[in-house]
Amino acid sequence: MAEDFKEDIKVRGEELLKKVKEIVHEGNVRKVIIKNEEGKTLLEIPLTIGVVGVALIPVWAAVGALAAFAAHYQIEVIKKE
């Protein structure tokens, strides 16, 4: 059975939405967790097979709103092998 692995990516606020969209489009992602500079979880986005297009519009809005609040974020990406 394939194991999941974790990747941490640090981004600036203005790059947050673009980077999250890139990660989601990779296709092998189970979950995206957005944390602030102190490591506090702000948003968890579970991604299941078939979540595309219109279903992600509220997610993009939430990520875009977060980007306006702080200068730096950490994106934790849980990927399937």
PDB file of N, CA and C in Angstrom:
ATOM      1  N   MET A   1       0.840  -1.192   0.000  1.00  0.00           N
ATOM      2  CA  MET A   1       0.000   0.000   0.000  1.00  0.00           C
ATOM      3  C   MET A   1       0.878   1.247   0.000  1.00  0.00           C
ATOM      4  N   ALA A   2       0.561   2.171  -0.834  1.00  0.00           N
ATOM      5  CA  ALA A   2       1.333   3.413  -0.931  1.00  0.00           C
ATOM      6  C   ALA A   2       1.078   4.289   0.286  1.00  0.00           C
ATOM      7  N   GLU A   3       2.134   4.929   0.755  1.00  0.00           N
ATOM      8  CA  GLU A   3       2.018   5.808   1.907  1.00  0.00           C
ATOM      9  C   GLU A   3       1.916   7.258   1.457  1.00  0.00           C
ATOM     10  N   ASP A   4       1.314   8.059   2.317  1.00  0.00           N
ATOM     11  CA  ASP A   4       1.242   9.495   2.062  1.00  0.00           C
ATOM     12  C   ASP A   4       2.545  10.136   2.511  1.00  0.00           C
ATOM     13  N   PHE A   5       2.896  11.249   1.904  1.00  0.00           N
ATOM     14  CA  PHE A   5       4.033  12.004   2.385  1.00  0.00           C
ATOM     15  C   PHE A   5       3.665  13.478   2.444  1.00  0.00           C
ATOM     16  N   LYS A   6       4.414  14.215   3.249  1.00  0.00           N
ATOM     17  CA  LYS A   6       4.106  15.614   3.526  1.00  0.00           C
ATOM     18  C   LYS A   6       5.190  16.509   2.940  1.00  0.00           C
ATOM     19  N   GLU A   7       4.745  17.629   2.400  1.00  0.00           N
ATOM     20  CA  GLU A   7       5.655  18.638   1.857  1.00  0.00           C
ATOM     21  C   GLU A   7       5.249  19.986   2.439  1.00  0.00           C
ATOM     22  N   ASP A   8       6.208  20.753   2.920  1.00  0.00           N
ATOM     23  CA  ASP A   8       5.942  22.095   3.443  1.00  0.00           C
ATOM     24  C   ASP A   8       6.491  23.135   2.481  1.00  0.00           C
ATOM     25  N   ILE A   9       5.660  24.124   2.179  1.00  0.00           N
ATOM     26  CA  ILE A   9       6.049  25.184   1.244  1.00  0.00           C
ATOM     27  C   ILE A   9       5.760  26.524   1.914  1.00  0.00           C
ATOM     28  N   LYS A  10       6.723  27.411   1.929  1.00  0.00           N
ATOM     29  CA  LYS A  10       6.524  28.750   2.478  1.00  0.00           C
ATOM     30  C   LYS A  10       6.276  29.717   1.331  1.00  0.00           C
ATOM     31  N   VAL A  11       5.229  30.536   1.493  1.00  0.00           N
ATOM     32  CA  VAL A  11       4.887  31.507   0.453  1.00  0.00           C
ATOM     33  C   VAL A  11       4.513  32.837   1.085  1.00  0.00           C
ATOM     34  N   ARG A  12       4.606  33.889   0.291  1.00  0.00           N
ATOM     35  CA  ARG A  12       4.148  35.211   0.707  1.00  0.00           C
ATOM     36  C   ARG A  12       2.654  35.288   0.434  1.00  0.00           C
ATOM     37  N   GLY A  13       1.982  36.200   1.079  1.00  0.00           N
ATOM     38  CA  GLY A  13       0.539  36.349   0.957  1.00  0.00           C
ATOM     39  C   GLY A  13       0.041  36.471  -0.470  1.00  0.00           C
ATOM     40  N   GLU A  14       0.716  37.288  -1.274  1.00  0.00           N
ATOM     41  CA  GLU A  14       0.251  37.508  -2.642  1.00  0.00           C
ATOM     42  C   GLU A  14       0.446  36.292  -3.549  1.00  0.00           C
ATOM     43  N   GLU A  15       1.275  35.335  -3.128  1.00  0.00           N
ATOM     44  CA  GLU A  15       1.530  34.123  -3.913  1.00  0.00           C
ATOM     45  C   GLU A  15       0.656  32.943  -3.468  1.00  0.00           C
ATOM     46  N   LEU A  16      -0.071  33.106  -2.370  1.00  0.00           N
ATOM     47  CA  LEU A  16      -0.794  31.997  -1.751  1.00  0.00           C
ATOM     48  C   LEU A  16      -1.802  31.341  -2.685  1.00  0.00           C
ATOM     49  N   LEU A  17      -2.713  32.095  -3.240  1.00  0.00           N
ATOM     50  CA  LEU A  17      -3.763  31.523  -4.080  1.00  0.00           C
ATOM     51  C   LEU A  17      -3.174  30.828  -5.311  1.00  0.00           C
ATOM     52  N   LYS A  18      -2.222  31.465  -5.960  1.00  0.00           N
ATOM     53  CA  LYS A  18      -1.605  30.877  -7.144  1.00  0.00           C
ATOM     54  C   LYS A  18      -0.943  29.541  -6.811  1.00  0.00           C
ATOM     55  N   LYS A  19      -0.225  29.493  -5.705  1.00  0.00           N
ATOM     56  CA  LYS A  19       0.488  28.268  -5.322  1.00  0.00           C
ATOM     57  C   LYS A  19      -0.489  27.159  -4.951  1.00  0.00           C
ATOM     58  N   VAL A  20      -1.554  27.481  -4.231  1.00  0.00           N
ATOM     59  CA  VAL A  20      -2.541  26.464  -3.862  1.00  0.00           C
ATOM     60  C   VAL A  20      -3.196  25.899  -5.120  1.00  0.00           C
ATOM     61  N   LYS A  21      -3.517  26.748  -6.086  1.00  0.00           N
ATOM     62  CA  LYS A  21      -4.101  26.266  -7.343  1.00  0.00           C
ATOM     63  C   LYS A  21      -3.137  25.327  -8.067  1.00  0.00           C
ATOM     64  N   GLU A  22      -1.850  25.676  -8.095  1.00  0.00           N
ATOM     65  CA  GLU A  22      -0.845  24.813  -8.726  1.00  0.00           C
ATOM     66  C   GLU A  22      -0.806  23.451  -8.051  1.00  0.00           C
ATOM     67  N   ILE A  23      -0.824  23.455  -6.728  1.00  0.00           N
ATOM     68  CA  ILE A  23      -0.762  22.211  -5.958  1.00  0.00           C
ATOM     69  C   ILE A  23      -1.972  21.337  -6.253  1.00  0.00           C
ATOM     70  N   VAL A  24      -3.155  21.925  -6.262  1.00  0.00           N
ATOM     71  CA  VAL A  24      -4.386  21.170  -6.512  1.00  0.00           C
ATOM     72  C   VAL A  24      -4.365  20.562  -7.908  1.00  0.00           C
ATOM     73  N   HIS A  25      -3.868  21.291  -8.888  1.00  0.00           N
ATOM     74  CA  HIS A  25      -3.844  20.800 -10.268  1.00  0.00           C
ATOM     75  C   HIS A  25      -2.829  19.683 -10.497  1.00  0.00           C
ATOM     76  N   GLU A  26      -1.901  19.477  -9.540  1.00  0.00           N
ATOM     77  CA  GLU A  26      -0.963  18.362  -9.654  1.00  0.00           C
ATOM     78  C   GLU A  26      -1.704  17.026  -9.653  1.00  0.00           C
ATOM     79  N   GLY A  27      -2.808  16.968  -8.916  1.00  0.00           N
ATOM     80  CA  GLY A  27      -3.662  15.792  -8.973  1.00  0.00           C
ATOM     81  C   GLY A  27      -3.369  14.687  -7.983  1.00  0.00           C
ATOM     82  N   ASN A  28      -2.219  14.636  -7.349  1.00  0.00           N
ATOM     83  CA  ASN A  28      -1.925  13.557  -6.412  1.00  0.00           C
ATOM     84  C   ASN A  28      -1.966  14.042  -4.960  1.00  0.00           C
ATOM     85  N   VAL A  29      -2.772  15.053  -4.708  1.00  0.00           N
ATOM     86  CA  VAL A  29      -2.828  15.685  -3.397  1.00  0.00           C
ATOM     87  C   VAL A  29      -4.072  15.219  -2.638  1.00  0.00           C
ATOM     88  N   ARG A  30      -3.894  14.826  -1.389  1.00  0.00           N
ATOM     89  CA  ARG A  30      -5.007  14.413  -0.533  1.00  0.00           C
ATOM     90  C   ARG A  30      -5.565  15.584   0.276  1.00  0.00           C
ATOM     91  N   LYS A  31      -4.663  16.430   0.765  1.00  0.00           N
ATOM     92  CA  LYS A  31      -5.089  17.523   1.640  1.00  0.00           C
ATOM     93  C   LYS A  31      -4.090  18.661   1.564  1.00  0.00           C
ATOM     94  N   VAL A  32      -4.609  19.895   1.640  1.00  0.00           N
ATOM     95  CA  VAL A  32      -3.781  21.089   1.702  1.00  0.00           C
ATOM     96  C   VAL A  32      -4.138  21.809   2.995  1.00  0.00           C
ATOM     97  N   ILE A  33      -3.129  22.127   3.789  1.00  0.00           N
ATOM     98  CA  ILE A  33      -3.330  22.823   5.058  1.00  0.00           C
ATOM     99  C   ILE A  33      -2.567  24.140   4.988  1.00  0.00           C
ATOM    100  N   ILE A  34      -3.269  25.232   5.243  1.00  0.00           N
ATOM    101  CA  ILE A  34      -2.636  26.556   5.217  1.00  0.00           C
ATOM    102  C   ILE A  34      -2.451  27.012   6.658  1.00  0.00           C
ATOM    103  N   LYS A  35      -1.211  27.382   6.981  1.00  0.00           N
ATOM    104  CA  LYS A  35      -0.866  27.810   8.335  1.00  0.00           C
ATOM    105  C   LYS A  35      -0.286  29.217   8.292  1.00  0.00           C
ATOM    106  N   ASN A  36      -0.427  29.925   9.417  1.00  0.00           N
ATOM    107  CA  ASN A  36       0.177  31.254   9.501  1.00  0.00           C
ATOM    108  C   ASN A  36       1.647  31.135   9.901  1.00  0.00           C
ATOM    109  N   GLU A  37       2.303  32.269  10.096  1.00  0.00           N
ATOM    110  CA  GLU A  37       3.731  32.282  10.421  1.00  0.00           C
ATOM    111  C   GLU A  37       4.055  31.551  11.715  1.00  0.00           C
ATOM    112  N   GLU A  38       3.113  31.532  12.651  1.00  0.00           N
ATOM    113  CA  GLU A  38       3.324  30.871  13.933  1.00  0.00           C
ATOM    114  C   GLU A  38       3.026  29.372  13.879  1.00  0.00           C
ATOM    115  N   GLY A  39       2.560  28.889  12.731  1.00  0.00           N
ATOM    116  CA  GLY A  39       2.250  27.473  12.586  1.00  0.00           C
ATOM    117  C   GLY A  39       0.821  27.095  12.935  1.00  0.00           C
ATOM    118  N   LYS A  40      -0.027  28.088  13.199  1.00  0.00           N
ATOM    119  CA  LYS A  40      -1.427  27.823  13.521  1.00  0.00           C
ATOM    120  C   LYS A  40      -2.203  27.534  12.231  1.00  0.00           C
ATOM    121  N   THR A  41      -2.974  26.452  12.247  1.00  0.00           N
ATOM    122  CA  THR A  41      -3.757  26.082  11.069  1.00  0.00           C
ATOM    123  C   THR A  41      -4.902  27.062  10.864  1.00  0.00           C
ATOM    124  N   LEU A  42      -4.974  27.625   9.657  1.00  0.00           N
ATOM    125  CA  LEU A  42      -6.021  28.579   9.303  1.00  0.00           C
ATOM    126  C   LEU A  42      -7.094  27.942   8.428  1.00  0.00           C
ATOM    127  N   LEU A  43      -6.686  27.014   7.567  1.00  0.00           N
ATOM    128  CA  LEU A  43      -7.629  26.402   6.629  1.00  0.00           C
ATOM    129  C   LEU A  43      -7.108  25.035   6.223  1.00  0.00           C
ATOM    130  N   GLU A  44      -7.990  24.025   6.270  1.00  0.00           N
ATOM    131  CA  GLU A  44      -7.669  22.683   5.776  1.00  0.00           C
ATOM    132  C   GLU A  44      -8.571  22.403   4.597  1.00  0.00           C
ATOM    133  N   ILE A  45      -7.984  21.973   3.506  1.00  0.00           N
ATOM    134  CA  ILE A  45      -8.744  21.680   2.302  1.00  0.00           C
ATOM    135  C   ILE A  45      -8.565  20.204   1.968  1.00  0.00           C
ATOM    136  N   PRO A  46      -9.547  19.360   2.321  1.00  0.00           N
ATOM    137  CA  PRO A  46      -9.451  17.955   1.920  1.00  0.00           C
ATOM    138  C   PRO A  46      -9.824  17.831   0.445  1.00  0.00           C
ATOM    139  N   LEU A  47      -9.026  17.124  -0.295  1.00  0.00           N
ATOM    140  CA  LEU A  47      -9.277  16.978  -1.728  1.00  0.00           C
ATOM    141  C   LEU A  47      -9.578  15.516  -2.033  1.00  0.00           C
ATOM    142  N   THR A  48     -10.720  15.290  -2.619  1.00  0.00           N
ATOM    143  CA  THR A  48     -11.109  13.945  -2.995  1.00  0.00           C
ATOM    144  C   THR A  48     -11.163  13.840  -4.505  1.00  0.00           C
ATOM    145  N   ILE A  49     -11.144  12.638  -4.998  1.00  0.00           N
ATOM    146  CA  ILE A  49     -11.231  12.428  -6.446  1.00  0.00           C
ATOM    147  C   ILE A  49     -12.532  13.017  -6.955  1.00  0.00           C
ATOM    148  N   GLY A  50     -12.459  13.783  -7.993  1.00  0.00           N
ATOM    149  CA  GLY A  50     -13.646  14.369  -8.592  1.00  0.00           C
ATOM    150  C   GLY A  50     -13.939  15.792  -8.144  1.00  0.00           C
ATOM    151  N   VAL A  51     -13.155  16.335  -7.223  1.00  0.00           N
ATOM    152  CA  VAL A  51     -13.363  17.719  -6.804  1.00  0.00           C
ATOM    153  C   VAL A  51     -12.662  18.616  -7.815  1.00  0.00           C
ATOM    154  N   VAL A  52     -13.441  19.271  -8.645  1.00  0.00           N
ATOM    155  CA  VAL A  52     -12.876  20.138  -9.676  1.00  0.00           C
ATOM    156  C   VAL A  52     -13.794  21.311  -9.934  1.00  0.00           C
ATOM    157  N   GLY A  53     -13.296  22.254 -10.685  1.00  0.00           N
ATOM    158  CA  GLY A  53     -14.101  23.356 -11.212  1.00  0.00           C
ATOM    159  C   GLY A  53     -14.947  24.103 -10.216  1.00  0.00           C
ATOM    160  N   VAL A  54     -16.253  24.084 -10.425  1.00  0.00           N
ATOM    161  CA  VAL A  54     -17.211  24.866  -9.640  1.00  0.00           C
ATOM    162  C   VAL A  54     -17.145  24.519  -8.161  1.00  0.00           C
ATOM    163  N   ALA A  55     -16.866  23.260  -7.832  1.00  0.00           N
ATOM    164  CA  ALA A  55     -16.803  22.846  -6.428  1.00  0.00           C
ATOM    165  C   ALA A  55     -15.694  23.560  -5.663  1.00  0.00           C
ATOM    166  N   LEU A  56     -14.676  24.044  -6.351  1.00  0.00           N
ATOM    167  CA  LEU A  56     -13.551  24.694  -5.692  1.00  0.00           C
ATOM    168  C   LEU A  56     -13.683  26.212  -5.593  1.00  0.00           C
ATOM    169  N   ILE A  57     -14.700  26.793  -6.166  1.00  0.00           N
ATOM    170  CA  ILE A  57     -14.868  28.246  -6.129  1.00  0.00           C
ATOM    171  C   ILE A  57     -14.902  28.786  -4.690  1.00  0.00           C
ATOM    172  N   PRO A  58     -15.658  28.177  -3.762  1.00  0.00           N
ATOM    173  CA  PRO A  58     -15.620  28.692  -2.385  1.00  0.00           C
ATOM    174  C   PRO A  58     -14.242  28.554  -1.738  1.00  0.00           C
ATOM    175  N   VAL A  59     -13.510  27.519  -2.105  1.00  0.00           N
ATOM    176  CA  VAL A  59     -12.154  27.322  -1.576  1.00  0.00           C
ATOM    177  C   VAL A  59     -11.242  28.434  -2.061  1.00  0.00           C
ATOM    178  N   TRP A  60     -11.303  28.760  -3.357  1.00  0.00           N
ATOM    179  CA  TRP A  60     -10.467  29.837  -3.892  1.00  0.00           C
ATOM    180  C   TRP A  60     -10.805  31.166  -3.214  1.00  0.00           C
ATOM    181  N   ALA A  61     -12.070  31.404  -2.947  1.00  0.00           N
ATOM    182  CA  ALA A  61     -12.477  32.645  -2.271  1.00  0.00           C
ATOM    183  C   ALA A  61     -11.892  32.710  -0.868  1.00  0.00           C
ATOM    184  N   ALA A  62     -11.934  31.599  -0.147  1.00  0.00           N
ATOM    185  CA  ALA A  62     -11.392  31.565   1.218  1.00  0.00           C
ATOM    186  C   ALA A  62      -9.881  31.762   1.207  1.00  0.00           C
ATOM    187  N   VAL A  63      -9.190  31.108   0.296  1.00  0.00           N
ATOM    188  CA  VAL A  63      -7.735  31.253   0.206  1.00  0.00           C
ATOM    189  C   VAL A  63      -7.373  32.686  -0.181  1.00  0.00           C
ATOM    190  N   GLY A  64      -8.115  33.266  -1.106  1.00  0.00           N
ATOM    191  CA  GLY A  64      -7.874  34.648  -1.508  1.00  0.00           C
ATOM    192  C   GLY A  64      -8.065  35.622  -0.356  1.00  0.00           C
ATOM    193  N   ALA A  65      -9.078  35.377   0.464  1.00  0.00           N
ATOM    194  CA  ALA A  65      -9.318  36.231   1.634  1.00  0.00           C
ATOM    195  C   ALA A  65      -8.177  36.101   2.634  1.00  0.00           C
ATOM    196  N   LEU A  66      -7.685  34.893   2.849  1.00  0.00           N
ATOM    197  CA  LEU A  66      -6.559  34.698   3.770  1.00  0.00           C
ATOM    198  C   LEU A  66      -5.320  35.450   3.290  1.00  0.00           C
ATOM    199  N   ALA A  67      -5.106  35.450   2.002  1.00  0.00           N
ATOM    200  CA  ALA A  67      -3.905  36.083   1.440  1.00  0.00           C
ATOM    201  C   ALA A  67      -3.826  37.566   1.779  1.00  0.00           C
ATOM    202  N   ALA A  68      -4.964  38.194   2.006  1.00  0.00           N
ATOM    203  CA  ALA A  68      -4.988  39.624   2.305  1.00  0.00           C
ATOM    204  C   ALA A  68      -4.583  39.944   3.745  1.00  0.00           C
ATOM    205  N   PHE A  69      -4.569  38.944   4.623  1.00  0.00           N
ATOM    206  CA  PHE A  69      -4.370  39.204   6.044  1.00  0.00           C
ATOM    207  C   PHE A  69      -2.942  39.149   6.551  1.00  0.00           C
ATOM    208  N   ALA A  70      -2.078  38.392   5.942  1.00  0.00           N
ATOM    209  CA  ALA A  70      -0.724  38.262   6.487  1.00  0.00           C
ATOM    210  C   ALA A  70       0.301  38.237   5.363  1.00  0.00           C
ATOM    211  N   ALA A  71       1.541  38.437   5.738  1.00  0.00           N
ATOM    212  CA  ALA A  71       2.606  38.504   4.750  1.00  0.00           C
ATOM    213  C   ALA A  71       3.153  37.130   4.368  1.00  0.00           C
ATOM    214  N   HIS A  72       3.176  36.190   5.307  1.00  0.00           N
ATOM    215  CA  HIS A  72       3.796  34.891   5.048  1.00  0.00           C
ATOM    216  C   HIS A  72       2.904  33.754   5.526  1.00  0.00           C
ATOM    217  N   TYR A  73       2.901  32.677   4.753  1.00  0.00           N
ATOM    218  CA  TYR A  73       2.128  31.484   5.076  1.00  0.00           C
ATOM    219  C   TYR A  73       2.985  30.253   4.834  1.00  0.00           C
ATOM    220  N   GLN A  74       2.561  29.174   5.456  1.00  0.00           N
ATOM    221  CA  GLN A  74       3.158  27.872   5.201  1.00  0.00           C
ATOM    222  C   GLN A  74       2.049  26.983   4.668  1.00  0.00           C
ATOM    223  N   ILE A  75       2.307  26.321   3.551  1.00  0.00           N
ATOM    224  CA  ILE A  75       1.343  25.393   2.978  1.00  0.00           C
ATOM    225  C   ILE A  75       1.871  23.996   3.235  1.00  0.00           C
ATOM    226  N   GLU A  76       1.085  23.198   3.937  1.00  0.00           N
ATOM    227  CA  GLU A  76       1.435  21.805   4.174  1.00  0.00           C
ATOM    228  C   GLU A  76       0.635  20.972   3.191  1.00  0.00           C
ATOM    229  N   VAL A  77       1.316  20.198   2.382  1.00  0.00           N
ATOM    230  CA  VAL A  77       0.662  19.408   1.343  1.00  0.00           C
ATOM    231  C   VAL A  77       0.819  17.940   1.681  1.00  0.00           C
ATOM    232  N   ILE A  78      -0.298  17.233   1.806  1.00  0.00           N
ATOM    233  CA  ILE A  78      -0.279  15.793   2.036  1.00  0.00           C
ATOM    234  C   ILE A  78      -0.544  15.136   0.681  1.00  0.00           C
ATOM    235  N   LYS A  79       0.449  14.391   0.192  1.00  0.00           N
ATOM    236  CA  LYS A  79       0.341  13.776  -1.130  1.00  0.00           C
ATOM    237  C   LYS A  79       0.311  12.257  -0.990  1.00  0.00           C
ATOM    238  N   LYS A  80      -0.335  11.630  -1.957  1.00  0.00           N
ATOM    239  CA  LYS A  80      -0.285  10.184  -2.020  1.00  0.00           C
ATOM    240  C   LYS A  80       0.861   9.783  -2.933  1.00  0.00           C
ATOM    241  N   GLU A  81       1.522   8.736  -2.570  1.00  0.00           N
ATOM    242  CA  GLU A  81       2.689   8.249  -3.295  1.00  0.00           C
ATOM    243  C   GLU A  81       2.291   7.732  -4.651  1.00  0.00           C
TER     244      GLU A  81
END
